C-alpha atoms as a PDB file:
ATOM      1  CA  SER A   1       3.381  -6.425 -13.796  1.00  0.00           C
ATOM      2  CA  LEU A   2       6.479  -4.728 -15.179  1.00  0.00           C
ATOM      3  CA  LYS A   3       4.734  -3.633 -18.367  1.00  0.00           C
ATOM      4  CA  TYR A   4       1.842  -2.169 -16.398  1.00  0.00           C
ATOM      5  CA  CYS A   5       4.179  -0.235 -14.098  1.00  0.00           C
ATOM      6  CA  LYS A   6       5.921   1.333 -17.100  1.00  0.00           C
ATOM      7  CA  TRP A   7       2.567   2.295 -18.542  1.00  0.00           C
ATOM      8  CA  PHE A   8       1.562   3.715 -15.161  1.00  0.00           C
ATOM      9  CA  ASP A   9       4.707   5.857 -15.041  1.00  0.00           C
ATOM     10  CA  LEU A  10       4.135   7.191 -18.561  1.00  0.00           C
ATOM     11  CA  ILE A  11       0.516   8.093 -17.883  1.00  0.00           C
ATOM     12  CA  VAL A  12       1.414   9.911 -14.656  1.00  0.00           C
ATOM     13  CA  GLU A  13       4.232  11.819 -16.349  1.00  0.00           C
ATOM     14  CA  GLU A  14       2.022  12.877 -19.268  1.00  0.00           C
ATOM     15  CA  THR A  15      -0.763  13.899 -16.894  1.00  0.00           C
ATOM     16  CA  ILE A  16       1.521  16.092 -14.762  1.00  0.00           C
ATOM     17  CA  VAL A  17       3.078  17.776 -17.780  1.00  0.00           C
ATOM     18  CA  SER A  18      -0.173  18.422 -19.630  1.00  0.00           C
ATOM     19  CA  SER A  19      -2.419  19.535 -16.761  1.00  0.00           C
ATOM     20  CA  ASN A  20      -2.417  22.826 -14.888  1.00  0.00           C
ATOM     21  CA  ASN A  21      -5.155  21.804 -12.474  1.00  0.00           C
ATOM     22  CA  LYS A  22      -3.824  20.369  -9.189  1.00  0.00           C
ATOM     23  CA  LYS A  23      -7.165  18.780  -8.349  1.00  0.00           C
ATOM     24  CA  ASN A  24      -7.308  16.967 -11.671  1.00  0.00           C
ATOM     25  CA  ILE A  25      -3.761  15.708 -11.241  1.00  0.00           C
ATOM     26  CA  SER A  26      -4.512  14.373  -7.751  1.00  0.00           C
ATOM     27  CA  GLU A  27      -7.733  12.736  -8.858  1.00  0.00           C
ATOM     28  CA  THR A  28      -6.018  11.152 -11.847  1.00  0.00           C
ATOM     29  CA  ILE A  29      -3.203   9.765  -9.737  1.00  0.00           C
ATOM     30  CA  LEU A  30      -5.657   8.341  -7.196  1.00  0.00           C
ATOM     31  CA  GLU A  31      -7.549   6.664 -10.013  1.00  0.00           C
ATOM     32  CA  LEU A  32      -4.334   5.330 -11.514  1.00  0.00           C
ATOM     33  CA  ASN A  33      -3.273   4.055  -8.102  1.00  0.00           C
ATOM     34  CA  GLU A  34      -6.544   2.163  -7.696  1.00  0.00           C
ATOM     35  CA  ASN A  35      -6.225   0.668 -11.174  1.00  0.00           C
ATOM     36  CA  ASN A  36      -2.618  -0.249 -10.468  1.00  0.00           C
ATOM     37  CA  ARG A  37      -3.584  -2.072  -7.263  1.00  0.00           C
ATOM     38  CA  ILE A  38      -6.307  -4.006  -9.090  1.00  0.00           C
ATOM     39  CA  GLN A  39      -3.856  -5.092 -11.773  1.00  0.00           C
ATOM     40  CA  VAL A  40      -1.080  -6.009  -9.317  1.00  0.00           C
ATOM     41  CA  THR A  41      -3.621  -7.981  -7.260  1.00  0.00           C
ATOM     42  CA  LYS A  42      -4.429 -10.101 -10.317  1.00  0.00           C
ATOM     43  CA  ASP A  43      -0.757 -10.489 -11.226  1.00  0.00           C
ATOM     44  CA  LEU A  44       0.267 -11.459  -7.701  1.00  0.00           C
ATOM     45  CA  LEU A  45      -2.490 -14.065  -7.341  1.00  0.00           C
ATOM     46  CA  TYR A  46      -1.445 -15.526 -10.693  1.00  0.00           C
ATOM     47  CA  ARG A  47       2.177 -15.645  -9.499  1.00  0.00           C
ATOM     48  CA  LEU A  48       1.178 -17.413  -6.276  1.00  0.00           C
ATOM     49  CA  LYS A  49      -0.671 -20.057  -8.271  1.00  0.00           C
ATOM     50  CA  SER A  50       2.357 -20.497 -10.538  1.00  0.00           C
ATOM     51  CA  ILE A  51       5.054 -21.216  -7.927  1.00  0.00           C
ATOM     52  CA  GLY A  52       5.786 -24.710  -6.624  1.00  0.00           C
ATOM     53  CA  HIS A  53       3.904 -26.290  -3.730  1.00  0.00           C
ATOM     54  CA  PHE A  54       6.910 -26.269  -1.399  1.00  0.00           C
ATOM     55  CA  GLN A  55       7.686 -22.678  -2.358  1.00  0.00           C
ATOM     56  CA  PHE A  56       4.121 -21.745  -1.450  1.00  0.00           C
ATOM     57  CA  GLU A  57       4.483 -23.464   1.923  1.00  0.00           C
ATOM     58  CA  GLU A  58       7.630 -21.446   2.634  1.00  0.00           C
ATOM     59  CA  LEU A  59       5.884 -18.278   1.478  1.00  0.00           C
ATOM     60  CA  THR A  60       2.951 -18.751   3.869  1.00  0.00           C
ATOM     61  CA  VAL A  61       5.333 -19.016   6.818  1.00  0.00           C
ATOM     62  CA  ASN A  62       7.203 -15.895   5.680  1.00  0.00           C
ATOM     63  CA  VAL A  63       3.968 -13.950   5.222  1.00  0.00           C
ATOM     64  CA  LEU A  64       2.753 -14.846   8.693  1.00  0.00           C
ATOM     65  CA  CYS A  65       6.098 -13.831  10.245  1.00  0.00           C
ATOM     66  CA  ASP A  66       6.004 -10.452   8.503  1.00  0.00           C
ATOM     67  CA  TYR A  67       2.353 -10.015   9.470  1.00  0.00           C
ATOM     68  CA  PHE A  68       3.077 -10.666  13.159  1.00  0.00           C
ATOM     69  CA  TYR A  69       6.476  -8.992  13.490  1.00  0.00           C
ATOM     70  CA  GLY A  70       7.055  -6.737  10.490  1.00  0.00           C
ATOM     71  CA  LYS A  71      10.326  -7.024   8.596  1.00  0.00           C
ATOM     72  CA  ILE A  72      12.574  -9.301  10.641  1.00  0.00           C
ATOM     73  CA  THR A  73      16.001 -10.850  10.199  1.00  0.00           C
ATOM     74  CA  ASP A  74      16.470 -14.430   9.028  1.00  0.00           C
ATOM     75  CA  GLU A  75      18.038 -15.198  12.399  1.00  0.00           C
ATOM     76  CA  PHE A  76      14.959 -14.049  14.333  1.00  0.00           C
ATOM     77  CA  LYS A  77      12.701 -15.857  11.869  1.00  0.00           C
ATOM     78  CA  LYS A  78      14.472 -19.110  12.711  1.00  0.00           C
ATOM     79  CA  GLU A  79      13.629 -18.522  16.368  1.00  0.00           C
ATOM     80  CA  VAL A  80       9.904 -18.033  15.846  1.00  0.00           C
ATOM     81  CA  ALA A  81       9.058 -20.063  12.747  1.00  0.00           C
ATOM     82  CA  THR A  82       9.594 -23.465  11.170  1.00  0.00           C
ATOM     83  CA  THR A  83       8.789 -24.875   7.756  1.00  0.00           C
ATOM     84  CA  THR A  84       8.205 -28.612   8.151  1.00  0.00           C
ATOM     85  CA  LYS A  85       9.934 -31.224   6.019  1.00  0.00           C
ATOM     86  CA  LYS A  86       8.640 -31.803   2.515  1.00  0.00           C
ATOM     87  CA  THR A  87       7.352 -35.328   3.143  1.00  0.00           C
ATOM     88  CA  GLY A  88       5.763 -36.923   6.178  1.00  0.00           C
ATOM     89  CA  ASP A  89       4.828 -33.601   7.760  1.00  0.00           C
ATOM     90  CA  GLY A  90       1.619 -34.998   9.229  1.00  0.00           C
ATOM     91  CA  GLY A  91      -0.523 -32.377   7.528  1.00  0.00           C
ATOM     92  CA  ILE A  92       1.340 -29.428   9.058  1.00  0.00           C
ATOM     93  CA  ASP A  93       3.326 -27.311   6.594  1.00  0.00           C
ATOM     94  CA  GLY A  94       4.692 -24.708   8.990  1.00  0.00           C
ATOM     95  CA  ILE A  95       4.689 -23.427  12.554  1.00  0.00           C
ATOM     96  CA  VAL A  96       4.894 -19.816  13.709  1.00  0.00           C
ATOM     97  CA  ASN A  97       5.107 -18.678  17.328  1.00  0.00           C
ATOM     98  CA  LYS A  98       3.569 -15.285  18.022  1.00  0.00           C
ATOM     99  CA  LYS A  99       5.162 -13.651  21.047  1.00  0.00           C
ATOM    100  CA  GLU A 100       2.562 -11.964  23.245  1.00  0.00           C
ATOM    101  CA  LYS A 101       2.641  -9.926  26.432  1.00  0.00           C
ATOM    102  CA  PHE A 102       2.276 -12.912  28.767  1.00  0.00           C
ATOM    103  CA  GLY A 103       3.818 -15.669  26.688  1.00  0.00           C
ATOM    104  CA  GLN A 104       3.343 -16.856  23.138  1.00  0.00           C
ATOM    105  CA  ARG A 105       0.732 -18.477  20.920  1.00  0.00           C
ATOM    106  CA  THR A 106       1.667 -21.206  18.449  1.00  0.00           C
ATOM    107  CA  TYR A 107      -0.009 -21.279  15.049  1.00  0.00           C
ATOM    108  CA  TYR A 108       0.088 -24.407  12.902  1.00  0.00           C
ATOM    109  CA  ILE A 109      -0.143 -23.753   9.165  1.00  0.00           C
ATOM    110  CA  GLN A 110      -1.475 -25.783   6.292  1.00  0.00           C
ATOM    111  CA  ALA A 111      -0.987 -24.406   2.781  1.00  0.00           C
ATOM    112  CA  LYS A 112      -3.246 -25.333  -0.139  1.00  0.00           C
ATOM    113  CA  LYS A 113      -2.037 -24.132  -3.538  1.00  0.00           C
ATOM    114  CA  TYR A 114      -4.976 -24.676  -5.874  1.00  0.00           C
ATOM    115  CA  SER A 115      -5.208 -23.329  -9.418  1.00  0.00           C
ATOM    116  CA  THR A 116      -8.883 -24.273  -9.641  1.00  0.00           C
ATOM    117  CA  GLY A 117     -11.588 -25.450  -7.268  1.00  0.00           C
ATOM    118  CA  SER A 118     -12.211 -24.582  -3.632  1.00  0.00           C
ATOM    119  CA  VAL A 119     -11.062 -25.912  -0.281  1.00  0.00           C
ATOM    120  CA  GLY A 120     -13.876 -28.144   0.961  1.00  0.00           C
ATOM    121  CA  SER A 121     -15.008 -29.554   4.291  1.00  0.00           C
ATOM    122  CA  GLN A 122     -12.924 -32.699   3.742  1.00  0.00           C
ATOM    123  CA  GLU A 123      -9.721 -30.649   3.790  1.00  0.00           C
ATOM    124  CA  ILE A 124     -10.899 -28.913   6.967  1.00  0.00           C
ATOM    125  CA  ASP A 125     -11.529 -32.307   8.601  1.00  0.00           C
ATOM    126  CA  SER A 126      -8.025 -33.443   7.661  1.00  0.00           C
ATOM    127  CA  PHE A 127      -6.447 -30.275   9.026  1.00  0.00           C
ATOM    128  CA  PHE A 128      -8.418 -30.611  12.259  1.00  0.00           C
ATOM    129  CA  ALA A 129      -7.111 -34.187  12.614  1.00  0.00           C
ATOM    130  CA  ALA A 130      -3.546 -32.915  12.101  1.00  0.00           C
ATOM    131  CA  LEU A 131      -4.054 -30.227  14.758  1.00  0.00           C
ATOM    132  CA  SER A 132      -5.513 -32.790  17.149  1.00  0.00           C
ATOM    133  CA  ARG A 133      -2.437 -35.001  16.796  1.00  0.00           C
ATOM    134  CA  LYS A 134      -0.337 -32.007  17.855  1.00  0.00           C
ATOM    135  CA  GLY A 135      -2.685 -31.086  20.684  1.00  0.00           C
ATOM    136  CA  ALA A 136      -3.028 -27.684  19.014  1.00  0.00           C
ATOM    137  CA  SER A 137      -5.906 -25.243  19.260  1.00  0.00           C
ATOM    138  CA  ASP A 138      -4.813 -22.598  16.701  1.00  0.00           C
ATOM    139  CA  GLY A 139      -4.495 -23.259  13.009  1.00  0.00           C
ATOM    140  CA  LEU A 140      -4.222 -21.266   9.807  1.00  0.00           C
ATOM    141  CA  LEU A 141      -5.321 -22.741   6.504  1.00  0.00           C
ATOM    142  CA  ILE A 142      -4.025 -20.584   3.675  1.00  0.00           C
ATOM    143  CA  THR A 143      -4.979 -21.141   0.052  1.00  0.00           C
ATOM    144  CA  THR A 144      -4.603 -19.486  -3.331  1.00  0.00           C
ATOM    145  CA  SER A 145      -8.219 -20.422  -3.985  1.00  0.00           C
ATOM    146  CA  THR A 146     -11.443 -19.990  -1.990  1.00  0.00           C
ATOM    147  CA  PHE A 147     -13.309 -21.847   0.757  1.00  0.00           C
ATOM    148  CA  SER A 148     -16.590 -23.566   0.030  1.00  0.00           C
ATOM    149  CA  LYS A 149     -19.637 -22.831   2.182  1.00  0.00           C
ATOM    150  CA  PRO A 150     -19.481 -26.316   3.814  1.00  0.00           C
ATOM    151  CA  ALA A 151     -15.816 -25.667   4.639  1.00  0.00           C
ATOM    152  CA  ILE A 152     -16.660 -22.400   6.420  1.00  0.00           C
ATOM    153  CA  GLU A 153     -19.477 -24.118   8.322  1.00  0.00           C
ATOM    154  CA  THR A 154     -17.117 -26.920   9.386  1.00  0.00           C
ATOM    155  CA  ILE A 155     -14.599 -24.355  10.666  1.00  0.00           C
ATOM    156  CA  LYS A 156     -17.312 -22.691  12.755  1.00  0.00           C
ATOM    157  CA  GLU A 157     -18.425 -26.050  14.103  1.00  0.00           C
ATOM    158  CA  PHE A 158     -14.918 -27.000  15.246  1.00  0.00           C
ATOM    159  CA  GLU A 159     -14.516 -23.661  17.005  1.00  0.00           C
ATOM    160  CA  GLU A 160     -17.876 -23.910  18.785  1.00  0.00           C
ATOM    161  CA  LYS A 161     -17.809 -27.612  19.693  1.00  0.00           C
ATOM    162  CA  LYS A 162     -14.119 -28.545  19.803  1.00  0.00           C
ATOM    163  CA  ASN A 163     -12.604 -25.219  20.930  1.00  0.00           C
ATOM    164  CA  VAL A 164     -10.215 -25.308  17.974  1.00  0.00           C
ATOM    165  CA  LYS A 165      -9.840 -22.062  16.026  1.00  0.00           C
ATOM    166  CA  ILE A 166      -8.965 -22.414  12.358  1.00  0.00           C
ATOM    167  CA  ILE A 167      -8.344 -19.126  10.557  1.00  0.00           C
ATOM    168  CA  ALA A 168      -9.158 -19.398   6.849  1.00  0.00           C
ATOM    169  CA  ILE A 169      -7.205 -17.125   4.498  1.00  0.00           C
ATOM    170  CA  ASP A 170      -8.216 -17.332   0.850  1.00  0.00           C
ATOM    171  CA  GLY A 171      -6.259 -16.134  -2.170  1.00  0.00           C
ATOM    172  CA  ASN A 172      -7.705 -12.622  -2.217  1.00  0.00           C
ATOM    173  CA  GLU A 173      -7.053 -12.084   1.491  1.00  0.00           C
ATOM    174  CA  LEU A 174      -3.511 -13.446   1.158  1.00  0.00           C
ATOM    175  CA  VAL A 175      -2.789 -11.034  -1.684  1.00  0.00           C
ATOM    176  CA  LYS A 176      -4.247  -8.130   0.318  1.00  0.00           C
ATOM    177  CA  ILE A 177      -1.928  -8.915   3.239  1.00  0.00           C
ATOM    178  CA  MET A 178       1.069  -9.107   0.902  1.00  0.00           C
ATOM    179  CA  LEU A 179       0.200  -5.763  -0.680  1.00  0.00           C
ATOM    180  CA  ASP A 180      -0.514  -3.997   2.613  1.00  0.00           C
ATOM    181  CA  TYR A 181       2.676  -5.269   4.272  1.00  0.00           C
ATOM    182  CA  GLU A 182       4.848  -5.005   1.134  1.00  0.00           C
ATOM    183  CA  ILE A 183       5.625  -8.720   1.030  1.00  0.00           C
ATOM    184  CA  GLY A 184       6.845  -9.770  -2.390  1.00  0.00           C
ATOM    185  CA  THR A 185       5.919  -6.309  -3.669  1.00  0.00           C
ATOM    186  CA  LYS A 186       7.568  -2.891  -3.880  1.00  0.00           C
ATOM    187  CA  HIS A 187       5.745   0.404  -3.417  1.00  0.00           C
ATOM    188  CA  LYS A 188       6.675   3.411  -5.526  1.00  0.00           C
ATOM    189  CA  THR A 189       6.188   6.981  -4.294  1.00  0.00           C
ATOM    190  CA  ILE A 190       5.129   9.752  -6.637  1.00  0.00           C
ATOM    191  CA  LYS A 191       5.998  13.311  -5.527  1.00  0.00           C
ATOM    192  CA  LEU A 192       3.774  16.184  -6.594  1.00  0.00           C
ATOM    193  CA  ILE A 193       5.029  19.751  -6.561  1.00  0.00           C
ATOM    194  CA  GLU A 194       2.703  22.639  -5.781  1.00  0.00           C
ATOM    195  CA  ILE A 195       3.067  26.317  -4.933  1.00  0.00           C
ATOM    196  CA  ASP A 196       3.355  27.141  -1.228  1.00  0.00           C
ATOM    197  CA  ASP A 197       0.881  30.001  -0.823  1.00  0.00           C
ATOM    198  CA  SER A 198       1.926  30.600   2.777  1.00  0.00           C
ATOM    199  CA  TYR A 199       5.420  31.524   1.601  1.00  0.00           C
ATOM    200  CA  PHE A 200       4.118  34.371  -0.562  1.00  0.00           C
ATOM    201  CA  LEU A 201       1.706  35.593   2.085  1.00  0.00           C
ATOM    202  CA  LYS A 202       4.641  36.191   4.423  1.00  0.00           C
ATOM    203  CA  LEU A 203       6.351  38.501   1.971  1.00  0.00           C
ATOM    204  CA  LYS A 204       6.091  42.198   2.892  1.00  0.00           C
END
């Protein structure tokens, strides 16, 4: 959050000014960085649960595009991805085509924005039915919540018996992807200054 980032900056600044030990400074910054990531993870998951359902559907398509292709233009995104209409989408919220060496693979997305509760086997059955209507074999079910044990077992069963692969991405994994690929987040770089011993060793 904004308040946390300001606090983070102040702590780092005070640490650098007050400490003469480079090792302590580095260790402190690493610790602060870990704490910062934990806090931002919580804040980002809360934000995802707070946005509208249709906004979350759009976000899942954007995240998958950035995950497959990195930062791309809106024009290229229109070529490889589609967010389905808000009503009557047949259980498919988005489609992303991943270009591969010998063609492309099409992923059908279903987004589940839950504030509480888990995605159960019933939702997996419904998504499988939606994929079947499309004749699709690759699906991604992305949620802000978690997947119940029966849901995971149902996913495995469909892959083994029906040759349909459903990738389940829960809230924590979604946030991790967004942090790692800087989606909806900004990374700040802290520069440390230290003495270059090699410079002085070269002096005659």
